[in-house]
Amino acid sequence: MSREVLILREPEIRKLLDPAACVDAMERAFTAFSTGRTELPSVIHLNVPENQGEIHIKAGHLHGGPYYAVKIVSGFPGNSQLGLPANDGMVVVFDATTGAPAAFFLDNGYITDLRTGAAGAVAAGHLARKKLGTVAVIGTGVQSRYQVEMLGLVRNFSEVRVWGRDPNKAWVCAEELGSRPGIPACNFAVSESAQRAVEGADLVFTVTASRAPLVHAEWLKAGTTVIAVGSDGPDKQELDVAALARADRVVADSVEQCLRLGEIHHAVHHGAIARDKAVELGEITAGLKPGRMSDDEIIVCDLTGVGVQDVTAASLVMERAAAAGVGEKIPL
């Protein structure tokens, strides 16, 4: 019996996986995960310290799904000096019936970028106030763009404040956000400090690789939602643990994973919150736990990224690629 594997590259994948469909897929992925219908091994972290390289390997399978997937994504911040993107990666898709390789997605990390932004949109859709005024973005990398762009699919907002350690990068980020067609018309500004960006904001995205807290509890007003995206390793931290202690509710993409990584890990370690304070986003998308219950709640959502997001996005790409007849097939 002859076998073949599908090769898809970033331009093809971008056409097959649109933001709105990805948000819907992430909603299903979180529900499946928190209702026990997935397989999810622990994240593998690999560092290349001499080049400041950071590699994450994640995998997942949805019960009854046609595929399982393994995603490898890397971050090498020094690449900008070489004229190369800082982030890269690929997804390998396998047939869940036979275990045979089904596809190689040479996506340069696009699926990771899009599904991470989509996860933020799912979280905002359930946890943010219905009426948003100001959105604060702490960080100036590519994910800052995706979080704001995907937020536009679930909420309107009137102002975006961007803060980053490098003011020039913050200005570039704000200008690019202002030119993206999917973002509602609003005012884009650069803040001189993280505090100025956060104070008075209705929604705060943190999207950095910080190893020290950038957002503090006393800056958060009643009703603020904080969606923390950057802390995907045990040594990373964007929020002061007091912010989680002050929060009325704490939400995780995976409680088990966030107890090892992310913001919840630090808060529990320092005794700021109890282990059982956090609920899973998938419990909320499944209707097992409520989303936002009042306009005055402060809610912190810790998104460390789970492998079921990757396999759900990859499965959608496979389905659409088959329907469209795109991609290169090579024999195994």
C-alpha atoms as a PDB file:
ATOM      1  CA  MET A   1       0.000   0.000   0.000  1.00  0.00           C
ATOM      2  CA  SER A   2       1.521   3.319  -1.103  1.00  0.00           C
ATOM      3  CA  ARG A   3       1.656   6.201   1.371  1.00  0.00           C
ATOM      4  CA  GLU A   4       2.119   9.909   0.893  1.00  0.00           C
ATOM      5  CA  VAL A   5       2.445  12.996   3.034  1.00  0.00           C
ATOM      6  CA  LEU A   6       1.021  16.452   2.385  1.00  0.00           C
ATOM      7  CA  ILE A   7       3.325  19.490   2.427  1.00  0.00           C
ATOM      8  CA  LEU A   8       1.736  22.857   3.144  1.00  0.00           C
ATOM      9  CA  ARG A   9       3.636  26.131   3.400  1.00  0.00           C
ATOM     10  CA  GLU A  10       2.793  29.358   5.181  1.00  0.00           C
ATOM     11  CA  PRO A  11       1.083  31.190   2.271  1.00  0.00           C
ATOM     12  CA  GLU A  12      -1.235  28.228   1.688  1.00  0.00           C
ATOM     13  CA  ILE A  13      -1.973  27.835   5.403  1.00  0.00           C
ATOM     14  CA  ARG A  14      -2.788  31.531   5.759  1.00  0.00           C
ATOM     15  CA  LYS A  15      -5.467  31.137   3.064  1.00  0.00           C
ATOM     16  CA  LEU A  16      -6.891  28.008   4.688  1.00  0.00           C
ATOM     17  CA  LEU A  17      -6.983  29.155   8.320  1.00  0.00           C
ATOM     18  CA  ASP A  18      -8.756  32.480   8.779  1.00  0.00           C
ATOM     19  CA  PRO A  19      -9.021  34.282  12.135  1.00  0.00           C
ATOM     20  CA  ALA A  20     -12.787  33.847  12.662  1.00  0.00           C
ATOM     21  CA  ALA A  21     -12.661  30.109  11.982  1.00  0.00           C
ATOM     22  CA  CYS A  22      -9.678  29.793  14.298  1.00  0.00           C
ATOM     23  CA  VAL A  23     -11.568  31.473  17.154  1.00  0.00           C
ATOM     24  CA  ASP A  24     -14.446  29.002  16.712  1.00  0.00           C
ATOM     25  CA  ALA A  25     -11.966  26.114  16.626  1.00  0.00           C
ATOM     26  CA  MET A  26     -10.269  27.259  19.845  1.00  0.00           C
ATOM     27  CA  GLU A  27     -13.632  27.449  21.605  1.00  0.00           C
ATOM     28  CA  ARG A  28     -14.217  23.801  20.694  1.00  0.00           C
ATOM     29  CA  ALA A  29     -10.673  22.853  21.681  1.00  0.00           C
ATOM     30  CA  PHE A  30     -10.944  24.322  25.180  1.00  0.00           C
ATOM     31  CA  THR A  31     -14.324  22.677  25.710  1.00  0.00           C
ATOM     32  CA  ALA A  32     -12.979  19.292  24.632  1.00  0.00           C
ATOM     33  CA  PHE A  33      -9.924  19.672  26.851  1.00  0.00           C
ATOM     34  CA  SER A  34     -11.807  20.553  30.033  1.00  0.00           C
ATOM     35  CA  THR A  35     -14.427  17.850  29.511  1.00  0.00           C
ATOM     36  CA  GLY A  36     -11.862  15.040  29.302  1.00  0.00           C
ATOM     37  CA  ARG A  37     -11.990  14.420  25.565  1.00  0.00           C
ATOM     38  CA  THR A  38      -8.336  15.039  24.753  1.00  0.00           C
ATOM     39  CA  GLU A  39      -4.856  13.635  25.276  1.00  0.00           C
ATOM     40  CA  LEU A  40      -2.240  16.192  26.233  1.00  0.00           C
ATOM     41  CA  PRO A  41       1.344  15.350  27.243  1.00  0.00           C
ATOM     42  CA  SER A  42       3.538  17.771  29.159  1.00  0.00           C
ATOM     43  CA  VAL A  43       5.281  20.548  27.271  1.00  0.00           C
ATOM     44  CA  ILE A  44       8.911  19.943  26.337  1.00  0.00           C
ATOM     45  CA  HIS A  45      11.169  22.965  26.794  1.00  0.00           C
ATOM     46  CA  LEU A  46      14.565  23.122  25.119  1.00  0.00           C
ATOM     47  CA  ASN A  47      16.963  26.044  25.493  1.00  0.00           C
ATOM     48  CA  VAL A  48      19.923  27.037  23.340  1.00  0.00           C
ATOM     49  CA  PRO A  49      21.485  29.457  25.841  1.00  0.00           C
ATOM     50  CA  GLU A  50      24.473  30.502  23.742  1.00  0.00           C
ATOM     51  CA  ASN A  51      22.049  32.015  21.207  1.00  0.00           C
ATOM     52  CA  GLN A  52      19.205  32.879  23.618  1.00  0.00           C
ATOM     53  CA  GLY A  53      17.125  30.267  21.845  1.00  0.00           C
ATOM     54  CA  GLU A  54      13.935  28.903  23.357  1.00  0.00           C
ATOM     55  CA  ILE A  55      12.072  25.923  21.863  1.00  0.00           C
ATOM     56  CA  HIS A  56       8.666  24.584  22.929  1.00  0.00           C
ATOM     57  CA  ILE A  57       7.309  21.230  21.782  1.00  0.00           C
ATOM     58  CA  LYS A  58       3.605  20.555  22.292  1.00  0.00           C
ATOM     59  CA  ALA A  59       1.332  17.745  21.166  1.00  0.00           C
ATOM     60  CA  GLY A  60      -2.313  16.812  21.388  1.00  0.00           C
ATOM     61  CA  HIS A  61      -5.156  14.590  20.238  1.00  0.00           C
ATOM     62  CA  LEU A  62      -8.924  15.008  20.426  1.00  0.00           C
ATOM     63  CA  HIS A  63     -10.722  11.739  21.052  1.00  0.00           C
ATOM     64  CA  GLY A  64     -12.338  10.501  17.858  1.00  0.00           C
ATOM     65  CA  GLY A  65     -10.468  13.029  15.743  1.00  0.00           C
ATOM     66  CA  PRO A  66      -8.760  11.936  12.525  1.00  0.00           C
ATOM     67  CA  TYR A  67      -5.335  13.312  13.495  1.00  0.00           C
ATOM     68  CA  TYR A  68      -2.909  13.992  16.285  1.00  0.00           C
ATOM     69  CA  ALA A  69      -0.245  16.636  15.969  1.00  0.00           C
ATOM     70  CA  VAL A  70       3.152  17.649  17.293  1.00  0.00           C
ATOM     71  CA  LYS A  71       4.136  21.307  17.134  1.00  0.00           C
ATOM     72  CA  ILE A  72       7.672  22.659  17.400  1.00  0.00           C
ATOM     73  CA  VAL A  73       8.050  26.404  17.780  1.00  0.00           C
ATOM     74  CA  SER A  74      11.167  28.426  18.488  1.00  0.00           C
ATOM     75  CA  GLY A  75      12.092  31.923  19.579  1.00  0.00           C
ATOM     76  CA  PHE A  76      15.535  33.364  18.853  1.00  0.00           C
ATOM     77  CA  PRO A  77      15.470  37.100  19.686  1.00  0.00           C
ATOM     78  CA  GLY A  78      18.866  37.680  18.094  1.00  0.00           C
ATOM     79  CA  ASN A  79      17.454  36.836  14.676  1.00  0.00           C
ATOM     80  CA  SER A  80      16.348  40.425  14.158  1.00  0.00           C
ATOM     81  CA  GLN A  81      20.001  41.409  13.793  1.00  0.00           C
ATOM     82  CA  LEU A  82      20.323  38.820  11.023  1.00  0.00           C
ATOM     83  CA  GLY A  83      17.273  40.040   9.154  1.00  0.00           C
ATOM     84  CA  LEU A  84      15.319  36.931  10.165  1.00  0.00           C
ATOM     85  CA  PRO A  85      12.044  36.557  12.092  1.00  0.00           C
ATOM     86  CA  ALA A  86      12.491  35.960  15.806  1.00  0.00           C
ATOM     87  CA  ASN A  87       9.906  33.166  15.863  1.00  0.00           C
ATOM     88  CA  ASP A  88       9.743  30.053  13.723  1.00  0.00           C
ATOM     89  CA  GLY A  89       8.237  26.603  13.781  1.00  0.00           C
ATOM     90  CA  MET A  90       6.361  23.798  12.099  1.00  0.00           C
ATOM     91  CA  VAL A  91       3.552  21.342  12.800  1.00  0.00           C
ATOM     92  CA  VAL A  92       3.683  17.614  12.030  1.00  0.00           C
ATOM     93  CA  VAL A  93       0.282  15.957  11.588  1.00  0.00           C
ATOM     94  CA  PHE A  94      -0.214  12.203  11.991  1.00  0.00           C
ATOM     95  CA  ASP A  95      -3.053   9.860  11.042  1.00  0.00           C
ATOM     96  CA  ALA A  96      -4.767   8.907  14.308  1.00  0.00           C
ATOM     97  CA  THR A  97      -5.814   5.526  12.858  1.00  0.00           C
ATOM     98  CA  THR A  98      -2.416   4.269  11.712  1.00  0.00           C
ATOM     99  CA  GLY A  99       0.123   6.653  13.248  1.00  0.00           C
ATOM    100  CA  ALA A 100       1.550   7.416   9.822  1.00  0.00           C
ATOM    101  CA  PRO A 101       2.727  10.970   9.049  1.00  0.00           C
ATOM    102  CA  ALA A 102      -0.074  12.782   7.227  1.00  0.00           C
ATOM    103  CA  ALA A 103       1.312  16.285   6.715  1.00  0.00           C
ATOM    104  CA  PHE A 104       4.148  18.679   7.369  1.00  0.00           C
ATOM    105  CA  PHE A 105       3.026  22.264   7.895  1.00  0.00           C
ATOM    106  CA  LEU A 106       5.987  24.539   7.166  1.00  0.00           C
ATOM    107  CA  ASP A 107       4.115  27.481   8.626  1.00  0.00           C
ATOM    108  CA  ASN A 108       6.993  29.479  10.170  1.00  0.00           C
ATOM    109  CA  GLY A 109       5.019  29.560  13.419  1.00  0.00           C
ATOM    110  CA  TYR A 110       1.839  31.025  11.881  1.00  0.00           C
ATOM    111  CA  ILE A 111      -0.509  28.446  13.406  1.00  0.00           C
ATOM    112  CA  THR A 112       0.963  29.125  16.839  1.00  0.00           C
ATOM    113  CA  ASP A 113       0.578  32.880  16.367  1.00  0.00           C
ATOM    114  CA  LEU A 114      -3.010  32.654  15.133  1.00  0.00           C
ATOM    115  CA  ARG A 115      -4.260  30.091  17.642  1.00  0.00           C
ATOM    116  CA  THR A 116      -2.657  32.079  20.498  1.00  0.00           C
ATOM    117  CA  GLY A 117      -4.445  35.221  19.365  1.00  0.00           C
ATOM    118  CA  ALA A 118      -7.646  33.217  18.965  1.00  0.00           C
ATOM    119  CA  ALA A 119      -7.331  31.898  22.525  1.00  0.00           C
ATOM    120  CA  GLY A 120      -7.141  35.479  23.756  1.00  0.00           C
ATOM    121  CA  ALA A 121     -10.311  36.280  21.803  1.00  0.00           C
ATOM    122  CA  VAL A 122     -12.123  33.282  23.315  1.00  0.00           C
ATOM    123  CA  ALA A 123     -11.056  34.393  26.789  1.00  0.00           C
ATOM    124  CA  ALA A 124     -12.131  37.986  26.127  1.00  0.00           C
ATOM    125  CA  GLY A 125     -15.462  36.845  24.714  1.00  0.00           C
ATOM    126  CA  HIS A 126     -16.338  35.110  27.978  1.00  0.00           C
ATOM    127  CA  LEU A 127     -14.457  37.199  30.548  1.00  0.00           C
ATOM    128  CA  ALA A 128     -14.266  40.815  29.360  1.00  0.00           C
ATOM    129  CA  ARG A 129     -16.964  43.403  29.933  1.00  0.00           C
ATOM    130  CA  LYS A 130     -19.426  43.738  27.062  1.00  0.00           C
ATOM    131  CA  LYS A 131     -18.571  47.412  26.632  1.00  0.00           C
ATOM    132  CA  LEU A 132     -14.856  48.091  26.406  1.00  0.00           C
ATOM    133  CA  GLY A 133     -13.238  51.486  26.314  1.00  0.00           C
ATOM    134  CA  THR A 134      -9.468  51.202  26.678  1.00  0.00           C
ATOM    135  CA  VAL A 135      -7.346  48.154  25.884  1.00  0.00           C
ATOM    136  CA  ALA A 136      -3.768  48.090  27.196  1.00  0.00           C
ATOM    137  CA  VAL A 137      -1.116  46.046  25.432  1.00  0.00           C
ATOM    138  CA  ILE A 138       2.076  45.316  27.361  1.00  0.00           C
ATOM    139  CA  GLY A 139       4.594  44.171  24.771  1.00  0.00           C
ATOM    140  CA  THR A 140       5.391  45.054  21.171  1.00  0.00           C
ATOM    141  CA  GLY A 141       6.056  41.725  19.432  1.00  0.00           C
ATOM    142  CA  VAL A 142       4.018  39.972  16.788  1.00  0.00           C
ATOM    143  CA  GLN A 143       1.614  38.519  19.353  1.00  0.00           C
ATOM    144  CA  SER A 144       0.649  42.030  20.438  1.00  0.00           C
ATOM    145  CA  ARG A 145      -0.789  42.496  16.962  1.00  0.00           C
ATOM    146  CA  TYR A 146      -2.620  39.172  16.936  1.00  0.00           C
ATOM    147  CA  GLN A 147      -4.235  39.696  20.352  1.00  0.00           C
ATOM    148  CA  VAL A 148      -5.700  43.064  19.396  1.00  0.00           C
ATOM    149  CA  GLU A 149      -6.718  41.957  15.911  1.00  0.00           C
ATOM    150  CA  MET A 150      -8.507  38.850  17.195  1.00  0.00           C
ATOM    151  CA  LEU A 151     -10.136  40.826  19.993  1.00  0.00           C
ATOM    152  CA  GLY A 152     -11.853  42.821  17.252  1.00  0.00           C
ATOM    153  CA  LEU A 153     -13.818  39.694  16.348  1.00  0.00           C
ATOM    154  CA  VAL A 154     -15.548  39.575  19.742  1.00  0.00           C
ATOM    155  CA  ARG A 155     -15.541  43.131  21.136  1.00  0.00           C
ATOM    156  CA  ASN A 156     -15.536  46.763  20.058  1.00  0.00           C
ATOM    157  CA  PHE A 157     -13.197  49.189  21.832  1.00  0.00           C
ATOM    158  CA  SER A 158     -12.298  52.854  21.515  1.00  0.00           C
ATOM    159  CA  GLU A 159      -8.635  53.099  22.510  1.00  0.00           C
ATOM    160  CA  VAL A 160      -5.509  50.928  22.477  1.00  0.00           C
ATOM    161  CA  ARG A 161      -2.499  51.898  24.587  1.00  0.00           C
ATOM    162  CA  VAL A 162       0.781  50.174  23.794  1.00  0.00           C
ATOM    163  CA  TRP A 163       3.780  49.991  26.096  1.00  0.00           C
ATOM    164  CA  GLY A 164       7.143  48.341  25.498  1.00  0.00           C
ATOM    165  CA  ARG A 165      10.657  48.699  26.825  1.00  0.00           C
ATOM    166  CA  ASP A 166      11.725  50.114  23.471  1.00  0.00           C
ATOM    167  CA  PRO A 167       9.596  53.201  22.679  1.00  0.00           C
ATOM    168  CA  ASN A 168      10.463  52.969  18.976  1.00  0.00           C
ATOM    169  CA  LYS A 169       9.073  49.440  18.781  1.00  0.00           C
ATOM    170  CA  ALA A 170       5.988  50.577  20.669  1.00  0.00           C
ATOM    171  CA  TRP A 171       5.358  53.314  18.089  1.00  0.00           C
ATOM    172  CA  VAL A 172       5.801  50.839  15.234  1.00  0.00           C
ATOM    173  CA  CYS A 173       3.388  48.444  16.920  1.00  0.00           C
ATOM    174  CA  ALA A 174       0.763  51.151  17.445  1.00  0.00           C
ATOM    175  CA  GLU A 175       1.067  52.337  13.841  1.00  0.00           C
ATOM    176  CA  GLU A 176       0.731  48.801  12.480  1.00  0.00           C
ATOM    177  CA  LEU A 177      -2.305  48.122  14.646  1.00  0.00           C
ATOM    178  CA  GLY A 178      -3.910  51.273  13.340  1.00  0.00           C
ATOM    179  CA  SER A 179      -3.502  50.066   9.757  1.00  0.00           C
ATOM    180  CA  ARG A 180      -4.892  46.552  10.218  1.00  0.00           C
ATOM    181  CA  PRO A 181      -8.299  46.230   8.517  1.00  0.00           C
ATOM    182  CA  GLY A 182      -9.771  43.791  11.058  1.00  0.00           C
ATOM    183  CA  ILE A 183      -9.400  46.148  14.007  1.00  0.00           C
ATOM    184  CA  PRO A 184     -12.296  48.530  14.818  1.00  0.00           C
ATOM    185  CA  ALA A 185     -11.642  52.212  14.217  1.00  0.00           C
ATOM    186  CA  CYS A 186     -10.215  53.619  17.445  1.00  0.00           C
ATOM    187  CA  ASN A 187      -7.406  55.691  18.893  1.00  0.00           C
ATOM    188  CA  PHE A 188      -3.939  54.129  19.142  1.00  0.00           C
ATOM    189  CA  ALA A 189      -1.418  55.588  21.568  1.00  0.00           C
ATOM    190  CA  VAL A 190       1.960  54.778  23.100  1.00  0.00           C
ATOM    191  CA  SER A 191       2.250  54.981  26.888  1.00  0.00           C
ATOM    192  CA  GLU A 192       5.410  56.153  28.606  1.00  0.00           C
ATOM    193  CA  SER A 193       5.135  53.440  31.249  1.00  0.00           C
ATOM    194  CA  ALA A 194       3.350  50.161  31.860  1.00  0.00           C
ATOM    195  CA  GLN A 195       1.476  51.838  34.708  1.00  0.00           C
ATOM    196  CA  ARG A 196       0.149  54.589  32.435  1.00  0.00           C
ATOM    197  CA  ALA A 197      -1.001  51.966  29.938  1.00  0.00           C
ATOM    198  CA  VAL A 198      -2.774  49.781  32.501  1.00  0.00           C
ATOM    199  CA  GLU A 199      -4.421  52.330  34.787  1.00  0.00           C
ATOM    200  CA  GLY A 200      -8.026  52.836  33.720  1.00  0.00           C
ATOM    201  CA  ALA A 201      -7.920  50.067  31.102  1.00  0.00           C
ATOM    202  CA  ASP A 202     -10.879  47.706  30.779  1.00  0.00           C
ATOM    203  CA  LEU A 203      -8.776  44.932  29.257  1.00  0.00           C
ATOM    204  CA  VAL A 204      -5.043  44.302  29.584  1.00  0.00           C
ATOM    205  CA  PHE A 205      -3.010  41.962  27.380  1.00  0.00           C
ATOM    206  CA  THR A 206       0.489  41.021  28.548  1.00  0.00           C
ATOM    207  CA  VAL A 207       2.541  39.548  25.728  1.00  0.00           C
ATOM    208  CA  THR A 208       6.197  39.626  26.742  1.00  0.00           C
ATOM    209  CA  ALA A 209       8.967  37.239  27.726  1.00  0.00           C
ATOM    210  CA  SER A 210       9.515  39.090  31.007  1.00  0.00           C
ATOM    211  CA  ARG A 211      11.158  37.357  33.965  1.00  0.00           C
ATOM    212  CA  ALA A 212       9.935  40.022  36.415  1.00  0.00           C
ATOM    213  CA  PRO A 213       6.444  41.446  37.074  1.00  0.00           C
ATOM    214  CA  LEU A 214       5.349  44.270  34.802  1.00  0.00           C
ATOM    215  CA  VAL A 215       1.730  44.714  35.941  1.00  0.00           C
ATOM    216  CA  HIS A 216       0.828  45.429  39.558  1.00  0.00           C
ATOM    217  CA  ALA A 217      -2.398  44.882  41.453  1.00  0.00           C
ATOM    218  CA  GLU A 218      -2.971  48.499  42.481  1.00  0.00           C
ATOM    219  CA  TRP A 219      -3.098  49.574  38.828  1.00  0.00           C
ATOM    220  CA  LEU A 220      -6.191  47.481  38.089  1.00  0.00           C
ATOM    221  CA  LYS A 221      -9.574  49.154  38.335  1.00  0.00           C
ATOM    222  CA  ALA A 222     -12.815  47.338  39.144  1.00  0.00           C
ATOM    223  CA  GLY A 223     -14.002  45.386  36.114  1.00  0.00           C
ATOM    224  CA  THR A 224     -10.602  44.945  34.464  1.00  0.00           C
ATOM    225  CA  THR A 225      -9.815  41.722  32.637  1.00  0.00           C
ATOM    226  CA  VAL A 226      -6.148  40.744  32.379  1.00  0.00           C
ATOM    227  CA  ILE A 227      -5.209  38.168  29.751  1.00  0.00           C
ATOM    228  CA  ALA A 228      -1.626  37.050  30.360  1.00  0.00           C
ATOM    229  CA  VAL A 229      -0.082  35.338  27.344  1.00  0.00           C
ATOM    230  CA  GLY A 230       3.687  35.621  27.657  1.00  0.00           C
ATOM    231  CA  SER A 231       4.508  33.434  30.665  1.00  0.00           C
ATOM    232  CA  ASP A 232       4.844  30.012  29.086  1.00  0.00           C
ATOM    233  CA  GLY A 233       7.824  28.834  31.167  1.00  0.00           C
ATOM    234  CA  PRO A 234       8.464  28.471  34.913  1.00  0.00           C
ATOM    235  CA  ASP A 235      10.921  31.379  34.979  1.00  0.00           C
ATOM    236  CA  LYS A 236       8.679  33.856  33.136  1.00  0.00           C
ATOM    237  CA  GLN A 237       6.400  36.274  34.959  1.00  0.00           C
ATOM    238  CA  GLU A 238       4.434  39.296  33.784  1.00  0.00           C
ATOM    239  CA  LEU A 239       2.053  39.876  36.714  1.00  0.00           C
ATOM    240  CA  ASP A 240       2.766  40.673  40.329  1.00  0.00           C
ATOM    241  CA  VAL A 241       1.312  37.811  42.383  1.00  0.00           C
ATOM    242  CA  ALA A 242      -0.783  40.402  44.236  1.00  0.00           C
ATOM    243  CA  ALA A 243      -2.721  40.944  40.991  1.00  0.00           C
ATOM    244  CA  LEU A 244      -3.928  37.342  41.130  1.00  0.00           C
ATOM    245  CA  ALA A 245      -4.630  37.663  44.850  1.00  0.00           C
ATOM    246  CA  ARG A 246      -6.725  40.771  44.197  1.00  0.00           C
ATOM    247  CA  ALA A 247      -8.615  39.183  41.295  1.00  0.00           C
ATOM    248  CA  ASP A 248     -12.167  38.071  42.013  1.00  0.00           C
ATOM    249  CA  ARG A 249     -11.615  35.163  39.652  1.00  0.00           C
ATOM    250  CA  VAL A 250      -8.606  33.431  38.107  1.00  0.00           C
ATOM    251  CA  VAL A 251      -8.945  31.419  34.898  1.00  0.00           C
ATOM    252  CA  ALA A 252      -6.424  29.057  33.260  1.00  0.00           C
ATOM    253  CA  ASP A 253      -6.255  27.357  29.895  1.00  0.00           C
ATOM    254  CA  SER A 254      -4.951  24.296  31.800  1.00  0.00           C
ATOM    255  CA  VAL A 255      -4.892  24.448  35.587  1.00  0.00           C
ATOM    256  CA  GLU A 256      -2.391  21.586  35.767  1.00  0.00           C
ATOM    257  CA  GLN A 257      -0.044  23.266  33.301  1.00  0.00           C
ATOM    258  CA  CYS A 258      -0.435  26.715  34.855  1.00  0.00           C
ATOM    259  CA  LEU A 259       0.566  25.289  38.223  1.00  0.00           C
ATOM    260  CA  ARG A 260       3.915  24.426  36.609  1.00  0.00           C
ATOM    261  CA  LEU A 261       4.279  27.411  34.269  1.00  0.00           C
ATOM    262  CA  GLY A 262       2.627  30.782  33.948  1.00  0.00           C
ATOM    263  CA  GLU A 263       1.288  33.325  36.389  1.00  0.00           C
ATOM    264  CA  ILE A 264      -0.682  30.908  38.566  1.00  0.00           C
ATOM    265  CA  HIS A 265       2.521  28.970  39.225  1.00  0.00           C
ATOM    266  CA  HIS A 266       4.145  32.031  40.823  1.00  0.00           C
ATOM    267  CA  ALA A 267       1.062  33.066  42.781  1.00  0.00           C
ATOM    268  CA  VAL A 268       0.585  29.619  44.302  1.00  0.00           C
ATOM    269  CA  HIS A 269       4.309  29.218  44.990  1.00  0.00           C
ATOM    270  CA  HIS A 270       4.367  32.480  46.947  1.00  0.00           C
ATOM    271  CA  GLY A 271       1.141  31.674  48.805  1.00  0.00           C
ATOM    272  CA  ALA A 272      -0.759  34.562  47.207  1.00  0.00           C
ATOM    273  CA  ILE A 273      -3.629  32.316  46.104  1.00  0.00           C
ATOM    274  CA  ALA A 274      -4.816  28.787  46.817  1.00  0.00           C
ATOM    275  CA  ARG A 275      -4.408  26.098  44.189  1.00  0.00           C
ATOM    276  CA  ASP A 276      -8.179  25.755  43.847  1.00  0.00           C
ATOM    277  CA  LYS A 277      -8.843  29.441  43.061  1.00  0.00           C
ATOM    278  CA  ALA A 278      -8.365  28.856  39.316  1.00  0.00           C
ATOM    279  CA  VAL A 279     -10.975  27.384  36.984  1.00  0.00           C
ATOM    280  CA  GLU A 280     -10.384  26.352  33.389  1.00  0.00           C
ATOM    281  CA  LEU A 281     -11.447  28.371  30.384  1.00  0.00           C
ATOM    282  CA  GLY A 282     -12.860  25.169  28.884  1.00  0.00           C
ATOM    283  CA  GLU A 283     -15.194  24.757  31.854  1.00  0.00           C
ATOM    284  CA  ILE A 284     -16.593  28.175  30.974  1.00  0.00           C
ATOM    285  CA  THR A 285     -16.864  27.510  27.217  1.00  0.00           C
ATOM    286  CA  ALA A 286     -18.589  24.203  28.049  1.00  0.00           C
ATOM    287  CA  GLY A 287     -21.148  25.981  30.237  1.00  0.00           C
ATOM    288  CA  LEU A 288     -19.979  24.198  33.396  1.00  0.00           C
ATOM    289  CA  LYS A 289     -18.774  27.395  35.048  1.00  0.00           C
ATOM    290  CA  PRO A 290     -19.982  30.974  34.486  1.00  0.00           C
ATOM    291  CA  GLY A 291     -18.115  33.596  32.539  1.00  0.00           C
ATOM    292  CA  ARG A 292     -18.057  37.189  33.742  1.00  0.00           C
ATOM    293  CA  MET A 293     -20.838  37.671  36.294  1.00  0.00           C
ATOM    294  CA  SER A 294     -20.691  41.440  36.890  1.00  0.00           C
ATOM    295  CA  ASP A 295     -19.098  44.562  35.453  1.00  0.00           C
ATOM    296  CA  ASP A 296     -17.092  45.046  38.652  1.00  0.00           C
ATOM    297  CA  GLU A 297     -15.230  41.730  38.698  1.00  0.00           C
ATOM    298  CA  ILE A 298     -11.476  41.751  38.246  1.00  0.00           C
ATOM    299  CA  ILE A 299     -10.566  38.635  36.266  1.00  0.00           C
ATOM    300  CA  VAL A 300      -7.103  37.306  35.448  1.00  0.00           C
ATOM    301  CA  CYS A 301      -6.763  34.698  32.687  1.00  0.00           C
ATOM    302  CA  ASP A 302      -3.487  32.763  32.407  1.00  0.00           C
ATOM    303  CA  LEU A 303      -2.908  31.391  28.882  1.00  0.00           C
ATOM    304  CA  THR A 304       0.168  29.171  28.621  1.00  0.00           C
ATOM    305  CA  GLY A 305      -0.882  27.405  25.390  1.00  0.00           C
ATOM    306  CA  VAL A 306      -2.059  23.804  25.184  1.00  0.00           C
ATOM    307  CA  GLY A 307      -1.392  21.228  22.480  1.00  0.00           C
ATOM    308  CA  VAL A 308      -5.073  20.661  21.736  1.00  0.00           C
ATOM    309  CA  GLN A 309      -5.123  24.158  20.264  1.00  0.00           C
ATOM    310  CA  ASP A 310      -2.516  23.090  17.714  1.00  0.00           C
ATOM    311  CA  VAL A 311      -4.167  19.815  16.741  1.00  0.00           C
ATOM    312  CA  THR A 312      -7.586  21.493  16.419  1.00  0.00           C
ATOM    313  CA  ALA A 313      -6.171  24.192  14.147  1.00  0.00           C
ATOM    314  CA  ALA A 314      -4.172  21.614  12.183  1.00  0.00           C
ATOM    315  CA  SER A 315      -7.221  19.400  11.694  1.00  0.00           C
ATOM    316  CA  LEU A 316      -9.167  22.354  10.301  1.00  0.00           C
ATOM    317  CA  VAL A 317      -6.330  23.100   7.888  1.00  0.00           C
ATOM    318  CA  MET A 318      -6.258  19.439   6.779  1.00  0.00           C
ATOM    319  CA  GLU A 319     -10.010  19.458   6.174  1.00  0.00           C
ATOM    320  CA  ARG A 320      -9.892  22.627   4.129  1.00  0.00           C
ATOM    321  CA  ALA A 321      -6.779  21.598   2.208  1.00  0.00           C
ATOM    322  CA  ALA A 322      -8.505  18.375   1.127  1.00  0.00           C
ATOM    323  CA  ALA A 323     -11.600  20.293   0.019  1.00  0.00           C
ATOM    324  CA  ALA A 324      -9.547  22.839  -1.920  1.00  0.00           C
ATOM    325  CA  GLY A 325      -7.065  20.324  -3.331  1.00  0.00           C
ATOM    326  CA  VAL A 326      -4.046  22.392  -2.317  1.00  0.00           C
ATOM    327  CA  GLY A 327      -0.608  21.376  -1.148  1.00  0.00           C
ATOM    328  CA  GLU A 328       2.187  19.189  -2.436  1.00  0.00           C
ATOM    329  CA  LYS A 329       2.018  15.432  -1.893  1.00  0.00           C
ATOM    330  CA  ILE A 330       5.190  13.374  -1.719  1.00  0.00           C
ATOM    331  CA  PRO A 331       5.575   9.603  -1.262  1.00  0.00           C
ATOM    332  CA  LEU A 332       6.834   8.256   2.031  1.00  0.00           C
END
